[in-house]
C-alpha atoms as a PDB file:
ATOM      1  CA  MET A   1       0.125   1.128   6.564  1.00  0.00           C
ATOM      2  CA  ALA A   2       1.921  -1.950   5.529  1.00  0.00           C
ATOM      3  CA  LEU A   3      -0.936  -3.684   7.489  1.00  0.00           C
ATOM      4  CA  LEU A   4      -3.303  -2.392   6.017  1.00  0.00           C
ATOM      5  CA  THR A   5      -2.235  -3.394   2.514  1.00  0.00           C
ATOM      6  CA  SER A   6      -1.854  -6.803   3.632  1.00  0.00           C
ATOM      7  CA  GLU A   7      -5.503  -7.097   4.454  1.00  0.00           C
ATOM      8  CA  VAL A   8      -6.546  -5.334   1.110  1.00  0.00           C
ATOM      9  CA  THR A   9      -4.645  -7.738  -0.789  1.00  0.00           C
ATOM     10  CA  TRP A  10      -6.242 -11.067   1.129  1.00  0.00           C
ATOM     11  CA  VAL A  11      -9.589  -9.534   0.473  1.00  0.00           C
ATOM     12  CA  TRP A  12      -8.198  -8.719  -2.856  1.00  0.00           C
ATOM     13  CA  TRP A  13      -7.573 -12.637  -3.590  1.00  0.00           C
ATOM     14  CA  LEU A  14     -10.344 -13.738  -1.373  1.00  0.00           C
ATOM     15  CA  LEU A  15     -12.707 -11.996  -3.882  1.00  0.00           C
ATOM     16  CA  VAL A  16     -10.385 -13.092  -6.946  1.00  0.00           C
ATOM     17  CA  ASP A  17     -11.080 -16.517  -5.841  1.00  0.00           C
ATOM     18  CA  PHE A  18     -14.983 -15.969  -5.724  1.00  0.00           C
ATOM     19  CA  GLY A  19     -14.382 -15.493  -9.125  1.00  0.00           C
ATOM     20  CA  VAL A  20     -15.570 -11.453  -8.552  1.00  0.00           C
ATOM     21  CA  SER A  21     -13.210  -9.628 -11.380  1.00  0.00           C
ATOM     22  CA  ILE A  22     -11.478  -6.664 -10.101  1.00  0.00           C
ATOM     23  CA  THR A  23     -10.475  -3.260 -12.155  1.00  0.00           C
ATOM     24  CA  THR A  24      -9.040  -1.047  -9.961  1.00  0.00           C
ATOM     25  CA  SER A  25      -6.701  -0.540  -7.264  1.00  0.00           C
ATOM     26  CA  THR A  26      -8.359  -0.280  -4.017  1.00  0.00           C
ATOM     27  CA  LEU A  27      -7.650   3.718  -2.342  1.00  0.00           C
ATOM     28  CA  VAL A  28      -5.608   3.679   0.631  1.00  0.00           C
ATOM     29  CA  LEU A  29      -5.804   7.165   2.143  1.00  0.00           C
ATOM     30  CA  SER A  30      -2.925   8.249   4.501  1.00  0.00           C
ATOM     31  CA  ASP A  31      -2.264  11.179   6.829  1.00  0.00           C
ATOM     32  CA  SER A  32       1.155  10.841   6.613  1.00  0.00           C
ATOM     33  CA  THR A  33       3.241  11.879   3.176  1.00  0.00           C
ATOM     34  CA  GLY A  34       6.264  10.377   4.798  1.00  0.00           C
ATOM     35  CA  ALA A  35       4.962   6.902   4.258  1.00  0.00           C
ATOM     36  CA  ILE A  36       2.987   7.414   0.840  1.00  0.00           C
ATOM     37  CA  SER A  37       6.723   8.572  -0.111  1.00  0.00           C
ATOM     38  CA  ILE A  38       8.304   5.439   1.251  1.00  0.00           C
ATOM     39  CA  ALA A  39       5.617   3.354  -0.017  1.00  0.00           C
ATOM     40  CA  ARG A  40       6.129   5.165  -3.616  1.00  0.00           C
ATOM     41  CA  ASP A  41       9.840   5.434  -3.313  1.00  0.00           C
ATOM     42  CA  PRO A  42      11.430   2.377  -5.526  1.00  0.00           C
ATOM     43  CA  VAL A  43      15.274   3.821  -3.379  1.00  0.00           C
ATOM     44  CA  LYS A  44      15.547   2.202   0.061  1.00  0.00           C
ATOM     45  CA  HIS A  45      17.114   5.166   2.368  1.00  0.00           C
ATOM     46  CA  GLU A  46      19.072   4.232   5.080  1.00  0.00           C
ATOM     47  CA  LEU A  47      16.424   5.755   7.603  1.00  0.00           C
ATOM     48  CA  THR A  48      14.079   3.173   6.059  1.00  0.00           C
ATOM     49  CA  LYS A  49      16.343  -0.304   7.490  1.00  0.00           C
ATOM     50  CA  HIS A  50      13.965  -1.226  10.277  1.00  0.00           C
ATOM     51  CA  ILE A  51      11.050  -1.383   8.285  1.00  0.00           C
ATOM     52  CA  GLY A  52      12.210  -2.758   5.252  1.00  0.00           C
ATOM     53  CA  VAL A  53      10.327  -5.806   4.573  1.00  0.00           C
ATOM     54  CA  ASP A  54       7.027  -3.920   5.226  1.00  0.00           C
ATOM     55  CA  ALA A  55       8.002  -0.965   2.985  1.00  0.00           C
ATOM     56  CA  PHE A  56       9.086  -3.362   0.487  1.00  0.00           C
ATOM     57  CA  TYR A  57       5.951  -5.568   0.507  1.00  0.00           C
ATOM     58  CA  THR A  58       3.730  -2.336   0.350  1.00  0.00           C
ATOM     59  CA  ARG A  59       5.677  -0.786  -2.257  1.00  0.00           C
ATOM     60  CA  ALA A  60       5.516  -4.119  -4.539  1.00  0.00           C
ATOM     61  CA  GLN A  61       1.562  -4.423  -4.176  1.00  0.00           C
ATOM     62  CA  GLY A  62       1.505  -0.643  -5.308  1.00  0.00           C
ATOM     63  CA  GLN A  63       3.415  -1.472  -8.377  1.00  0.00           C
ATOM     64  CA  ALA A  64       1.529  -4.491  -8.883  1.00  0.00           C
ATOM     65  CA  GLN A  65      -1.875  -1.643  -8.758  1.00  0.00           C
ATOM     66  CA  ILE A  66      -3.732  -3.894  -6.274  1.00  0.00           C
ATOM     67  CA  VAL A  67      -3.818  -0.287  -3.788  1.00  0.00           C
ATOM     68  CA  ALA A  68      -2.912   3.248  -4.507  1.00  0.00           C
ATOM     69  CA  PHE A  69      -1.815   5.933  -1.938  1.00  0.00           C
ATOM     70  CA  GLN A  70      -3.528   9.194  -1.595  1.00  0.00           C
ATOM     71  CA  TYR A  71      -2.638  11.917   0.895  1.00  0.00           C
ATOM     72  CA  VAL A  72      -5.649  13.368   3.133  1.00  0.00           C
ATOM     73  CA  PRO A  73      -4.976  16.460   5.000  1.00  0.00           C
ATOM     74  CA  LEU A  74      -5.718  15.800   8.726  1.00  0.00           C
ATOM     75  CA  GLU A  75      -8.838  17.700  10.108  1.00  0.00           C
ATOM     76  CA  LEU A  76      -8.024  18.572  13.843  1.00  0.00           C
END
């Protein structure tokens, strides 16, 4: 999710450099409720210390409304 968030942020700033006005957040769909809760929850948990930088970056971009996270169930 952090890699996708960084790619979306890069495209976002590229479009801004070209003069394109962006008014809505980019929707990021995920089937992982755990990843979405870590991205939305501002509290640092002991279990997430190995992904601290990725979680912080993803959370910051969500708070800046560059990305918005939505759960989509996995269909088999």
